[in-house]
């Protein structure tokens, strides 16, 4: 990832954005403290110029329970010189495509 990467999760309104390598590490630490066994599967990935849009599926259990969690979502990502410079987690494909279009404008 680029040193200045910008990350926007589904809970960006609550969490705020994450910036740079330190922000990505903080995001993963926060996330894995709640879902320590989180696994991610890429179901589909499409290139759109300097961007990619992907359908992903996460599975986990909460840190305090045995109930399985299935987390389908879309990722919109922008790249420069082979490094991710921005990503947004989206609930739908349409939202991811709109995010990419807005970001690349």
Protein backbone atom coordinates (compact mmCIF):
# COMPACT_ATOMS: atom_id res chain seq x y z
CA UNK A 1 0.00 0.00 0.00
CA UNK A 2 1.01 3.55 -0.59
CA UNK A 3 2.31 5.39 2.48
CA UNK A 4 -0.58 7.86 2.13
CA UNK A 5 -3.34 5.28 1.57
CA UNK A 6 -6.87 6.40 2.51
CA UNK A 7 -9.25 3.75 3.90
CA UNK A 8 -13.02 4.13 4.26
CA UNK A 9 -14.77 1.20 5.92
CA UNK A 10 -18.52 0.53 6.00
CA UNK A 11 -18.61 2.23 9.40
CA UNK A 12 -16.73 5.33 8.25
CA UNK A 13 -19.43 7.60 9.71
CA UNK A 14 -18.76 6.07 13.14
CA UNK A 15 -15.06 5.25 12.85
CA UNK A 16 -13.90 8.06 10.64
CA UNK A 17 -11.39 7.37 7.89
CA UNK A 18 -7.99 5.76 8.30
CA UNK A 19 -4.89 7.32 6.77
CA UNK A 20 -1.50 5.89 5.88
CA UNK A 21 0.18 2.71 7.02
CA UNK A 22 -0.44 3.57 10.67
CA UNK A 23 -4.16 3.97 9.99
CA UNK A 24 -4.34 0.62 8.18
CA UNK A 25 -2.58 -1.12 11.07
CA UNK A 26 -4.97 0.57 13.53
CA UNK A 27 -7.99 -0.47 11.45
CA UNK A 28 -6.84 -4.13 11.35
CA UNK A 29 -6.05 -4.09 15.09
CA UNK A 30 -9.50 -2.67 15.87
CA UNK A 31 -11.24 -5.10 13.53
CA UNK A 32 -9.36 -8.23 14.60
CA UNK A 33 -9.92 -7.45 18.27
CA UNK A 34 -13.63 -8.00 17.58
CA UNK A 35 -13.30 -10.77 14.94
CA UNK A 36 -10.00 -12.58 15.71
CA UNK A 37 -10.62 -15.50 13.31
CA UNK A 38 -11.75 -13.38 10.33
CA UNK A 39 -11.13 -14.98 6.95
CA UNK A 40 -11.57 -13.23 3.62
CA UNK A 41 -12.43 -14.75 0.24
CA UNK A 42 -12.31 -12.83 -3.04
CA UNK A 43 -15.34 -13.93 -5.07
CA UNK A 44 -14.94 -11.56 -8.03
CA UNK A 45 -12.46 -8.89 -9.06
CA UNK A 46 -12.70 -6.50 -12.03
CA UNK A 47 -10.24 -3.92 -13.32
CA UNK A 48 -11.55 -0.45 -14.19
CA UNK A 49 -8.53 1.49 -15.45
CA UNK A 50 -6.51 2.61 -12.40
CA UNK A 51 -9.08 0.98 -10.12
CA UNK A 52 -10.53 -2.37 -9.19
CA UNK A 53 -13.92 -3.39 -7.91
CA UNK A 54 -14.26 -6.62 -6.02
CA UNK A 55 -16.94 -8.75 -4.37
CA UNK A 56 -15.61 -10.26 -1.17
CA UNK A 57 -16.96 -12.50 1.55
CA UNK A 58 -15.69 -12.51 5.10
CA UNK A 59 -16.44 -15.13 7.73
CA UNK A 60 -15.71 -15.04 11.43
CA UNK A 61 -16.98 -15.48 14.96
CA UNK A 62 -17.23 -12.61 17.40
CA UNK A 63 -14.49 -12.52 20.04
CA UNK A 64 -16.97 -13.42 22.75
CA UNK A 65 -19.16 -16.02 21.06
CA UNK A 66 -19.61 -19.02 18.82
CA UNK A 67 -22.17 -17.55 16.43
CA UNK A 68 -20.76 -17.52 12.88
CA UNK A 69 -20.80 -14.28 10.93
CA UNK A 70 -20.96 -14.08 7.14
CA UNK A 71 -19.99 -10.67 5.77
CA UNK A 72 -20.54 -10.16 2.01
CA UNK A 73 -19.36 -6.77 0.74
CA UNK A 74 -17.81 -4.88 -2.19
CA UNK A 75 -14.46 -3.12 -2.30
CA UNK A 76 -13.63 -0.14 -4.49
CA UNK A 77 -9.86 0.38 -4.79
CA UNK A 78 -7.63 2.87 -6.58
CA UNK A 79 -4.01 2.17 -7.54
CA UNK A 80 -0.92 4.19 -8.43
CA UNK A 81 2.43 2.68 -9.39
CA UNK A 82 1.29 -0.76 -8.24
CA UNK A 83 0.25 0.36 -4.76
CA UNK A 84 -3.21 0.83 -3.30
CA UNK A 85 -3.80 4.53 -2.61
CA UNK A 86 -7.47 4.39 -1.61
CA UNK A 87 -10.10 1.84 -0.76
CA UNK A 88 -13.71 2.01 0.30
CA UNK A 89 -15.78 -0.85 1.63
CA UNK A 90 -19.31 -0.77 0.17
CA UNK A 91 -22.54 -2.65 0.78
CA UNK A 92 -23.46 -3.08 -2.89
CA UNK A 93 -21.89 -3.30 -6.34
CA UNK A 94 -23.67 -0.11 -7.43
CA UNK A 95 -22.27 1.76 -4.43
CA UNK A 96 -18.73 0.49 -5.21
CA UNK A 97 -18.99 1.52 -8.86
CA UNK A 98 -20.29 4.97 -7.88
CA UNK A 99 -17.46 5.35 -5.36
CA UNK A 100 -14.86 4.50 -8.03
CA UNK A 101 -16.40 6.96 -10.50
CA UNK A 102 -16.43 9.74 -7.90
CA UNK A 103 -12.90 9.00 -6.74
CA UNK A 104 -11.44 8.98 -10.25
CA UNK A 105 -13.08 12.28 -11.29
